[in-house]
Protein backbone atom coordinates (compact mmCIF):
# COMPACT_ATOMS: atom_id res chain seq x y z
CA MET A 1 17.61 20.25 -6.56
CA PHE A 2 19.09 17.76 -4.43
CA GLY A 3 21.86 15.34 -5.54
CA PHE A 4 22.41 12.34 -3.29
CA LYS A 5 25.01 10.89 -1.02
CA ARG A 6 24.38 9.05 1.99
CA ALA A 7 21.53 11.72 3.98
CA GLY A 8 24.27 13.89 6.11
CA LYS A 9 22.95 16.65 8.43
CA GLU A 10 22.09 19.01 5.80
CA LEU A 11 19.50 16.10 3.94
CA ALA A 12 18.32 14.99 6.79
CA VAL A 13 14.38 14.13 6.53
CA ASN A 14 12.17 15.00 9.81
CA TYR A 15 8.52 13.72 9.96
CA ILE A 16 5.39 15.79 10.97
CA SER A 17 1.68 15.24 10.66
CA THR A 18 -0.53 16.18 8.02
CA ARG A 19 -2.37 18.04 10.63
CA GLY A 20 0.12 19.79 12.09
CA GLY A 21 -0.29 18.85 16.09
CA ILE A 22 3.01 17.28 16.50
CA GLU A 23 6.74 18.61 16.99
CA PRO A 24 9.03 17.00 14.32
CA ILE A 25 10.65 13.10 14.77
CA ASP A 26 13.02 11.16 13.36
CA PHE A 27 12.23 8.11 10.77
CA ARG A 28 12.51 5.78 13.61
CA SER A 29 10.37 7.50 15.70
CA SER A 30 8.05 7.42 12.54
CA VAL A 31 7.99 4.27 12.25
CA MET A 32 7.03 3.50 15.56
CA MET A 33 4.28 5.45 15.87
CA GLY A 34 2.21 4.78 13.33
CA LEU A 35 -0.73 6.62 12.83
CA ALA A 36 0.13 10.24 14.19
CA SER A 37 -0.84 10.92 18.18
CA ASP A 38 -3.23 13.99 16.98
CA GLY A 39 -5.12 11.50 15.05
CA GLY A 40 -3.37 12.73 11.50
CA LEU A 41 -0.61 10.70 8.96
CA LEU A 42 3.24 11.37 9.03
CA LEU A 43 4.70 13.03 6.14
CA PRO A 44 8.44 14.07 5.45
CA GLU A 45 8.78 17.48 6.22
CA GLN A 46 10.41 18.29 2.98
CA ILE A 47 10.00 15.78 -0.08
CA PRO A 48 13.63 15.53 -1.85
CA VAL A 49 13.68 16.09 -5.26
CA LEU A 50 16.65 14.10 -7.12
CA SER A 51 18.82 14.87 -9.71
CA GLN A 52 19.16 14.14 -13.18
CA GLU A 53 22.52 12.52 -12.84
CA THR A 54 21.20 10.76 -9.18
CA LEU A 55 18.33 9.51 -11.39
CA ARG A 56 20.92 8.51 -14.15
CA SER A 57 23.06 6.96 -11.57
CA TRP A 58 20.47 4.32 -10.15
CA GLN A 59 19.03 3.45 -13.25
CA ARG A 60 20.94 0.24 -13.49
CA LEU A 61 20.88 -0.53 -10.11
CA SER A 62 19.64 -4.15 -9.22
CA TYR A 63 16.84 -4.03 -6.98
CA GLN A 64 18.06 -3.96 -3.75
CA ASP A 65 20.72 -1.75 -4.02
CA LEU A 66 18.14 0.89 -5.99
CA ALA A 67 15.83 0.28 -2.48
CA PHE A 68 18.91 1.02 -0.58
CA GLN A 69 19.17 4.10 -1.87
CA VAL A 70 15.94 4.99 -2.04
CA LEU A 71 15.48 4.26 1.56
CA SER A 72 19.03 5.77 2.42
CA VAL A 73 16.76 9.56 1.54
CA TYR A 74 14.17 9.15 4.31
CA ALA A 75 15.56 6.69 6.77
CA ASP A 76 18.92 8.82 7.80
CA ASP A 77 18.82 7.92 11.47
CA LEU A 78 19.48 3.85 10.76
CA PRO A 79 23.01 3.52 9.83
CA SER A 80 24.39 1.90 6.51
CA ASP A 81 24.97 -1.31 7.24
CA VAL A 82 21.49 -1.74 8.82
CA LEU A 83 19.72 -1.31 6.21
CA ARG A 84 21.72 -2.90 4.04
CA ASP A 85 20.91 -5.98 6.02
CA LEU A 86 17.41 -5.05 6.68
CA ILE A 87 16.77 -4.65 2.88
CA ASP A 88 18.70 -7.81 1.71
CA PHE A 89 17.12 -10.09 4.39
CA SER A 90 13.53 -8.54 3.52
CA TYR A 91 13.91 -9.23 -0.05
CA ALA A 92 15.26 -13.24 0.11
CA SER A 93 12.15 -15.13 0.32
CA PHE A 94 10.87 -13.00 -3.47
CA SER A 95 10.49 -16.14 -6.00
CA HIS A 96 12.04 -13.60 -8.92
CA PRO A 97 15.71 -13.14 -8.90
CA GLU A 98 14.72 -9.21 -9.91
CA ILE A 99 12.43 -8.96 -7.37
CA THR A 100 9.63 -6.98 -9.18
CA PRO A 101 10.43 -7.63 -13.02
CA VAL A 102 9.33 -5.96 -15.87
CA VAL A 103 7.41 -7.74 -18.28
CA ARG A 104 6.31 -6.54 -22.00
CA LYS A 105 3.13 -7.32 -23.75
CA GLY A 106 1.84 -5.72 -27.02
CA GLU A 107 2.55 -2.34 -26.27
CA VAL A 108 2.28 -2.30 -22.52
CA PHE A 109 4.21 -2.62 -19.87
CA LEU A 110 3.42 -4.80 -16.67
CA LEU A 111 5.67 -4.24 -13.13
CA GLU A 112 4.79 -7.97 -11.55
CA LEU A 113 4.98 -7.14 -8.04
CA PHE A 114 3.26 -10.06 -6.43
CA HIS A 115 6.69 -12.52 -6.57
CA GLY A 116 6.53 -11.99 -2.36
CA PRO A 117 5.81 -14.99 -0.26
CA THR A 118 1.89 -14.12 -0.18
CA LEU A 119 1.66 -13.54 -4.28
CA ALA A 120 0.58 -9.66 -3.68
CA PHE A 121 2.45 -6.28 -3.52
CA LYS A 122 1.77 -5.62 -0.25
CA ASP A 123 4.74 -7.92 0.36
CA LEU A 124 7.11 -5.44 -0.80
CA ALA A 125 6.50 -3.43 1.97
CA LEU A 126 5.56 -5.36 4.73
CA GLN A 127 8.34 -7.76 4.25
CA PHE A 128 10.90 -4.76 4.94
CA LEU A 129 8.93 -3.59 7.69
CA GLY A 130 8.59 -6.47 9.83
CA ASN A 131 12.10 -7.01 9.42
CA LEU A 132 12.36 -3.06 10.47
CA PHE A 133 10.01 -3.83 13.89
CA GLU A 134 12.06 -6.32 14.90
CA TYR A 135 15.08 -4.61 14.90
CA LEU A 136 13.50 -1.43 16.40
CA LEU A 137 12.36 -3.48 19.59
CA ARG A 138 15.13 -5.11 19.97
CA GLU A 139 17.54 -2.31 19.82
CA ARG A 140 14.72 0.13 22.52
CA GLY A 141 14.00 -3.23 24.50
CA GLN A 142 10.52 -3.20 23.85
CA LYS A 143 7.65 -5.17 22.88
CA MET A 144 4.69 -4.50 20.32
CA ASN A 145 0.99 -5.27 19.19
CA ILE A 146 0.95 -4.72 16.19
CA LEU A 147 -3.32 -3.33 15.01
CA GLY A 148 -3.63 -3.82 11.01
CA ALA A 149 -7.06 -3.48 9.08
CA THR A 150 -7.50 -5.48 5.80
CA SER A 151 -9.11 -5.73 3.11
CA GLY A 152 -7.39 -8.86 1.90
CA ASP A 153 -4.11 -8.93 0.84
CA THR A 154 -2.17 -6.15 3.55
CA GLY A 155 -3.16 -8.92 6.29
CA SER A 156 -1.26 -12.40 5.05
CA ALA A 157 1.68 -9.75 4.01
CA ALA A 158 1.43 -8.43 7.55
CA ILE A 159 1.37 -11.52 9.10
CA TYR A 160 4.00 -13.29 7.06
CA GLY A 161 6.51 -10.19 7.78
CA VAL A 162 6.38 -10.66 11.97
CA LYS A 163 4.94 -14.43 12.18
CA GLY A 164 7.35 -15.97 15.14
CA ARG A 165 9.01 -13.23 15.69
CA ALA A 166 9.98 -12.47 19.31
CA ASN A 167 8.78 -9.21 21.31
CA ILE A 168 5.45 -9.28 18.32
CA HIS A 169 1.74 -10.22 18.80
CA ILE A 170 0.27 -8.82 15.73
CA PHE A 171 -3.96 -8.72 15.32
CA ILE A 172 -5.48 -8.42 12.10
CA LEU A 173 -9.12 -7.37 11.17
CA HIS A 174 -10.78 -8.63 7.98
CA PRO A 175 -14.75 -7.97 6.98
CA TYR A 176 -15.91 -11.81 7.19
CA GLN A 177 -16.55 -13.17 4.58
CA LYS A 178 -15.62 -10.61 2.27
CA VAL A 179 -12.28 -11.33 0.98
CA SER A 180 -11.59 -14.10 -1.32
CA ARG A 181 -11.57 -17.50 -0.18
CA ILE A 182 -7.53 -17.87 -0.80
CA GLN A 183 -7.10 -13.89 1.06
CA GLU A 184 -9.21 -15.71 3.82
CA LEU A 185 -6.71 -18.74 4.26
CA GLN A 186 -3.64 -17.45 3.86
CA MET A 187 -4.54 -15.40 6.90
CA THR A 188 -6.15 -17.67 8.95
CA THR A 189 -4.15 -20.75 8.60
CA VAL A 190 -0.75 -19.25 9.91
CA PRO A 191 0.07 -21.79 13.22
CA ASP A 192 2.30 -19.19 15.07
CA ALA A 193 1.72 -18.26 18.35
CA ASN A 194 1.59 -14.54 18.17
CA VAL A 195 -0.48 -14.57 15.06
CA PHE A 196 -4.71 -13.34 15.82
CA ASN A 197 -6.79 -12.97 12.98
CA ILE A 198 -10.32 -11.18 14.10
CA ALA A 199 -13.11 -11.49 11.52
CA ILE A 200 -15.24 -8.29 11.90
CA ARG A 201 -19.04 -8.49 11.04
CA GLY A 202 -19.16 -5.51 8.80
CA THR A 203 -17.43 -4.16 5.50
CA PHE A 204 -13.61 -2.74 5.24
CA ASP A 205 -14.68 0.62 6.11
CA ASP A 206 -16.17 -0.43 9.47
CA VAL A 207 -13.00 -2.84 10.29
CA GLN A 208 -10.76 0.42 9.20
CA ARG A 209 -12.64 2.66 11.34
CA LEU A 210 -12.39 0.35 14.15
CA VAL A 211 -8.68 0.22 13.92
CA LYS A 212 -8.44 4.03 13.70
CA ALA A 213 -10.71 4.88 16.75
CA ILE A 214 -8.09 2.41 18.77
CA PHE A 215 -4.73 4.29 17.64
CA ASN A 216 -6.80 7.40 18.58
CA ASP A 217 -7.38 6.15 21.78
CA LEU A 218 -3.17 7.48 23.18
CA ALA A 219 -3.83 5.79 26.56
CA PHE A 220 -4.37 2.60 25.44
CA LYS A 221 -2.42 2.56 22.43
CA GLU A 222 0.45 3.20 24.86
CA HIS A 223 -0.34 0.83 27.30
CA TYR A 224 -0.30 -1.75 24.83
CA GLY A 225 2.31 -0.38 22.44
CA LEU A 226 0.42 -0.58 19.74
CA GLY A 227 1.74 -0.43 16.52
CA ALA A 228 0.84 0.36 12.89
CA ILE A 229 0.85 -1.99 9.96
CA ASN A 230 -1.20 -0.57 7.87
CA SER A 231 -0.36 1.98 5.08
CA ILE A 232 -1.23 4.17 8.11
CA ASN A 233 2.81 3.61 8.59
CA TRP A 234 4.76 6.13 6.64
CA ALA A 235 7.66 3.30 6.29
CA ARG A 236 5.05 1.02 4.42
CA VAL A 237 4.11 4.17 1.74
CA LEU A 238 8.42 4.30 1.49
CA ALA A 239 8.68 1.12 0.54
CA GLN A 240 6.36 1.33 -2.12
CA VAL A 241 8.75 4.17 -3.90
CA VAL A 242 11.26 1.54 -4.35
CA TYR A 243 9.53 -0.01 -7.37
CA TYR A 244 8.00 3.09 -9.29
CA PHE A 245 11.65 3.91 -9.42
CA TYR A 246 12.51 0.50 -10.50
CA GLY A 247 9.54 -0.52 -12.82
CA TYR A 248 10.75 2.96 -14.89
CA PHE A 249 13.80 2.32 -15.35
CA ARG A 250 13.69 -1.31 -16.42
CA MET A 251 10.51 -0.02 -18.83
CA VAL A 252 13.08 2.83 -20.06
CA GLU A 253 16.08 0.83 -20.52
CA GLU A 254 16.38 0.86 -24.55
CA LYS A 255 15.84 4.87 -24.52
CA GLN A 256 17.77 5.80 -21.48
CA GLU A 257 14.97 8.65 -20.05
CA GLY A 258 12.04 10.06 -21.16
CA GLU A 259 8.12 10.66 -19.48
CA VAL A 260 6.01 7.51 -18.89
CA LEU A 261 2.27 7.12 -17.75
CA VAL A 262 1.95 4.92 -14.63
CA ALA A 263 -1.37 2.86 -13.84
CA VAL A 264 -2.46 2.02 -10.84
CA PRO A 265 -5.68 -0.32 -9.44
CA THR A 266 -6.39 1.33 -5.70
CA GLY A 267 -8.85 1.28 -3.09
CA ASN A 268 -7.13 2.80 -0.17
CA PHE A 269 -4.75 5.38 -2.12
CA GLY A 270 -1.39 4.21 -0.64
CA ASP A 271 0.01 2.63 -3.28
CA ILE A 272 -0.56 5.44 -6.00
CA PHE A 273 0.53 7.76 -2.86
CA ALA A 274 3.57 6.15 -3.49
CA GLY A 275 3.79 6.54 -7.04
CA TYR A 276 2.66 10.77 -6.63
CA LEU A 277 5.92 11.04 -4.14
CA ALA A 278 7.94 8.93 -6.83
CA LYS A 279 6.91 11.89 -8.92
CA ARG A 280 7.80 14.31 -6.69
CA MET A 281 11.01 13.25 -6.26
CA GLY A 282 11.87 13.84 -9.90
CA LEU A 283 11.05 10.49 -11.70
CA PRO A 284 9.17 11.36 -15.26
CA ILE A 285 5.80 10.51 -14.60
CA ARG A 286 3.85 12.49 -17.15
CA ARG A 287 0.92 11.21 -15.02
CA LEU A 288 -0.29 8.45 -12.85
CA ILE A 289 -3.35 6.92 -13.59
CA LEU A 290 -5.84 5.97 -10.78
CA ALA A 291 -8.20 2.58 -11.26
CA THR A 292 -11.01 2.21 -9.21
CA ASN A 293 -14.00 -0.75 -9.49
CA GLU A 294 -17.47 0.36 -8.59
CA ASN A 295 -16.35 1.46 -5.70
CA ASP A 296 -15.10 4.81 -6.81
CA ILE A 297 -15.05 7.55 -4.01
CA LEU A 298 -11.42 8.35 -5.62
CA THR A 299 -12.81 8.27 -9.46
CA ARG A 300 -16.02 10.94 -8.67
CA PHE A 301 -12.85 13.09 -6.30
CA VAL A 302 -10.69 13.34 -9.79
CA GLN A 303 -13.35 13.42 -12.32
CA ARG A 304 -15.69 16.15 -10.86
CA GLY A 305 -14.34 16.96 -6.46
CA ASP A 306 -17.01 14.69 -5.14
CA TYR A 307 -15.24 12.80 -2.72
CA SER A 308 -18.61 11.27 -0.60
CA ILE A 309 -19.33 8.23 1.11
CA GLU A 310 -21.87 5.87 -1.08
CA LYS A 311 -22.60 2.03 0.28
CA VAL A 312 -19.60 -0.55 -0.44
CA VAL A 313 -20.56 -2.52 -3.07
CA PRO A 314 -18.94 -5.90 -3.29
CA THR A 315 -17.04 -7.01 -6.50
CA TYR A 316 -14.65 -9.38 -7.59
CA SER A 317 -11.91 -6.98 -6.51
CA PRO A 318 -12.25 -7.27 -2.69
CA SER A 319 -9.15 -5.25 -1.89
CA MET A 320 -10.66 -2.30 -3.57
CA ASP A 321 -14.10 -2.64 -1.83
CA ILE A 322 -13.18 0.69 -0.07
CA GLN A 323 -14.87 3.89 0.39
CA VAL A 324 -12.71 5.54 2.64
CA ALA A 325 -9.64 5.83 1.54
CA SER A 326 -7.29 5.85 4.30
CA ASN A 327 -3.83 7.66 2.32
CA PHE A 328 -5.69 10.17 0.92
CA GLU A 329 -5.50 12.54 3.72
CA ARG A 330 -1.45 12.62 2.59
CA TYR A 331 -2.69 13.58 -0.59
CA LEU A 332 -4.57 16.55 0.91
CA TYR A 333 -1.80 17.76 2.71
CA TYR A 334 -0.21 18.67 -0.49
CA LEU A 335 -3.49 19.59 -2.50
CA PHE A 336 -4.56 22.45 0.55
CA ALA A 337 -0.39 23.69 -0.01
CA GLU A 338 1.01 21.84 2.67
CA ASN A 339 -1.35 23.70 5.50
CA PRO A 340 -1.95 21.55 8.48
CA SER A 341 -5.23 23.68 9.54
CA SER A 342 -6.73 23.22 6.23
CA VAL A 343 -6.43 19.23 6.78
CA LYS A 344 -7.60 19.43 10.07
CA GLU A 345 -10.47 21.02 9.11
CA ALA A 346 -11.52 19.30 6.15
CA MET A 347 -10.76 15.95 8.12
CA GLY A 348 -13.58 17.03 10.88
CA ALA A 349 -15.47 17.56 8.46
CA PHE A 350 -15.63 14.53 6.56
CA GLN A 351 -15.96 13.08 9.65
CA GLN A 352 -19.13 14.81 10.65
CA THR A 353 -20.60 14.83 7.06
CA GLY A 354 -19.02 11.75 4.89
CA ARG A 355 -17.94 14.33 2.30
CA LEU A 356 -15.19 17.00 1.37
CA SER A 357 -15.66 19.74 -1.04
CA PHE A 358 -12.70 21.48 -3.42
CA GLN A 359 -12.42 24.38 -5.17
CA GLU A 360 -12.42 24.68 -8.59
CA SER A 361 -8.64 25.21 -8.48
CA ALA A 362 -7.59 22.47 -6.11
CA LEU A 363 -9.47 20.20 -8.66
CA LYS A 364 -7.79 21.54 -11.14
CA ILE A 365 -4.43 20.27 -9.04
CA ALA A 366 -5.21 16.82 -8.33
CA GLN A 367 -6.51 16.59 -12.45
CA LYS A 368 -2.91 17.43 -13.52
CA ASP A 369 -1.39 15.15 -10.89
CA PHE A 370 -4.22 12.22 -12.17
CA SER A 371 -6.29 10.49 -14.78
CA SER A 372 -9.24 8.21 -12.93
CA ALA A 373 -11.63 5.79 -14.43
CA SER A 374 -14.04 3.68 -12.84
CA VAL A 375 -14.25 -0.07 -14.16
CA ASN A 376 -17.25 -2.58 -13.38
CA GLN A 377 -17.19 -6.02 -12.79
CA GLU A 378 -18.06 -6.71 -16.81
CA GLU A 379 -15.82 -4.77 -17.72
CA THR A 380 -13.00 -6.18 -15.30
CA LEU A 381 -14.06 -10.10 -16.80
CA ALA A 382 -13.75 -9.14 -19.96
CA THR A 383 -10.25 -7.44 -20.11
CA ILE A 384 -8.97 -10.76 -17.85
CA ARG A 385 -10.86 -12.82 -21.07
CA GLU A 386 -9.33 -10.45 -23.93
CA PHE A 387 -5.30 -10.13 -22.39
CA TYR A 388 -4.92 -13.88 -22.24
CA GLU A 389 -6.56 -14.77 -25.90
CA LYS A 390 -4.82 -11.96 -27.23
CA GLU A 391 -1.20 -11.61 -24.88
CA GLY A 392 -1.22 -15.41 -22.89
CA TYR A 393 -0.89 -13.15 -19.93
CA LEU A 394 -3.46 -13.77 -16.90
CA LEU A 395 -4.52 -10.84 -15.24
CA ASP A 396 -6.02 -11.02 -11.53
CA PRO A 397 -8.88 -8.66 -11.22
CA HIS A 398 -7.11 -5.54 -9.30
CA SER A 399 -4.34 -5.37 -12.27
CA ALA A 400 -6.76 -5.82 -14.96
CA ILE A 401 -8.82 -2.83 -13.44
CA GLY A 402 -5.58 -1.37 -13.73
CA LEU A 403 -4.43 -2.12 -17.20
CA LYS A 404 -8.34 -1.27 -18.46
CA ALA A 405 -8.13 2.48 -17.08
CA GLY A 406 -4.66 2.94 -18.25
CA LEU A 407 -5.37 1.70 -22.00
CA LEU A 408 -8.33 4.69 -21.71
CA PHE A 409 -5.95 7.40 -21.07
CA ARG A 410 -3.28 6.40 -23.03
CA GLU A 411 -1.52 8.90 -24.98
CA ASN A 412 0.25 6.97 -28.48
CA HIS A 413 3.50 9.03 -27.80
CA LEU A 414 4.13 7.51 -24.05
CA PRO A 415 4.71 4.56 -22.85
CA LEU A 416 2.54 3.12 -20.28
CA LEU A 417 3.36 0.83 -17.34
CA CYS A 418 0.84 -1.29 -15.53
CA LEU A 419 0.87 -2.40 -11.87
CA MET A 420 -0.04 -6.57 -11.45
CA THR A 421 -0.29 -6.48 -8.27
CA ALA A 422 -1.73 -9.70 -7.21
CA HIS A 423 -1.14 -13.09 -8.04
CA PRO A 424 -4.27 -14.53 -10.05
CA ALA A 425 -4.32 -17.83 -8.16
CA LYS A 426 -5.69 -15.50 -5.30
CA PHE A 427 -8.64 -15.24 -7.24
CA LYS A 428 -10.29 -18.01 -8.50
CA ASP A 429 -13.74 -16.80 -9.07
CA ALA A 430 -12.80 -14.03 -11.10
CA VAL A 431 -10.59 -15.83 -13.28
CA LEU A 432 -13.19 -19.28 -13.52
CA ALA A 433 -15.65 -16.25 -14.57
CA ALA A 434 -13.41 -14.28 -17.14
CA ILE A 435 -11.92 -17.70 -19.49
CA GLY A 436 -13.19 -20.57 -17.61
CA ILE A 437 -10.05 -22.04 -16.05
CA ASP A 438 -9.57 -22.47 -12.42
CA PRO A 439 -5.96 -21.51 -11.48
CA ALA A 440 -3.61 -23.24 -10.00
CA LEU A 441 -2.06 -21.63 -6.72
CA PRO A 442 1.95 -22.06 -7.12
CA PRO A 443 3.90 -23.53 -4.13
CA PRO A 444 3.97 -23.32 -1.35
CA LEU A 445 0.37 -22.71 -0.97
CA THR A 446 -1.21 -25.62 -2.74
CA ASP A 447 -2.64 -27.31 0.47
CA LEU A 448 -4.02 -24.21 2.33
CA GLU A 449 -7.41 -25.88 1.94
CA SER A 450 -5.82 -28.66 4.29
CA ARG A 451 -4.64 -26.25 6.72
CA PRO A 452 -6.47 -25.66 10.04
CA ALA A 453 -7.82 -22.48 10.68
CA ARG A 454 -7.89 -19.90 13.78
CA TYR A 455 -9.77 -16.84 14.35
CA VAL A 456 -12.43 -15.32 16.06
CA VAL A 457 -15.99 -13.25 14.86
CA LEU A 458 -16.74 -10.21 16.63
CA PRO A 459 -19.28 -7.50 15.96
CA ALA A 460 -18.00 -3.60 14.79
CA GLU A 461 -17.79 -2.31 17.89
CA VAL A 462 -14.67 -1.00 19.45
CA ALA A 463 -15.20 -2.42 22.63
CA ALA A 464 -15.28 -6.07 21.55
CA VAL A 465 -11.78 -5.46 19.69
CA LYS A 466 -10.43 -3.59 22.61
CA ALA A 467 -11.20 -6.72 24.94
CA TYR A 468 -9.66 -9.00 22.74
CA ILE A 469 -6.64 -7.43 22.19
CA GLU A 470 -6.22 -6.92 26.23
CA SER A 471 -6.66 -11.13 26.94
CA HIS A 472 -4.25 -11.54 24.29
CA ALA A 473 -1.47 -8.87 24.22
CA ILE A 474 2.35 -9.59 25.01
CA ARG A 475 3.14 -7.34 27.60
């Protein structure tokens, strides 16, 4: 069991690839590498397990102080004063003093993750990552072209994290006309000259495939200094671990301790993987409840071991309209007993066949880690409506899916924490369909419709995206 102190050599954490093809690297290098050079995803060589004494000492910390403690465990090659400044600056723009407050409604606890500049949980990680990139680039005297894929919220949060920054250009790909109107406007109306929006004719899975293919062209990646801001970047996942600790500490203040259930709406497996890491570190989460919409590849995996690609179904929760969950490979590493050869073989087979198969023993492990349910459109709208009528609290469709799934698996004696991943005003169509009210955007986003938009529409072809990057990259 690890206690905690500012990590010294005895607690140093290095990073490896899920596919085993790189030598261990430090935290700084992991941030700059993004996608591992062997095509895998980066993970810490070991997950520190915290002592009960450490957990108790963290219980009443502010969000910023807690973030410093959690991130210090993994980012042990950053000077303490630098890490502290990065954290403080990253969360200065949040509209709530607690950053991620917990609100109790009836018998459930709601962890509000939408008080950042783009009103979505992605801000918690991407404000930090943007500042971290700027610091590392200045330190190294380098320039970076950030390339990212978004199903909606990552794009605007990433753009707001790096807009106007020196030494960075950002290229964000989104599926053309398959994100909400507000999500599209938040991305495309940012006027800063270092921001480039690319609308891809296809689904989010097409967009994600393009980004991974470009990163896997190592010569292109190196020549243009490509950096990853999607959750393939380890620092993204790490920053999200913090709010699991914060949410837990706020909801158990009266009891001081005890196990909880946590419900997480997810499509790409990044947010819930952060919860899995928190659990592995010693946070007493009895079970993570994985919630999907009709695009249910992850639910099918948990329920019956069926991880196979089906056609993407457009829904009121577009950030979850995903079939290929890019962060799932990180979980596979642990599911396959930290055997990178097994991960590499499985991902190779998946690329060829669009399906993964699992032994019964592996499925039983997954079912101990997660419960899962798929929540359809009708159930999503009904949950928004019923919760609003009962509690006077308005849910966005993604959060409604998490709440519905959480209630399905609730155990009477365990508190339930549900992650509220976005402000409901970002998904007006769903809210209007559910309760007949058109929610107003909070400031400063009330004038989005009147702002000029800038984006280019491209086919779902690697060559087309590469050509656009080549002509607009910072060198």
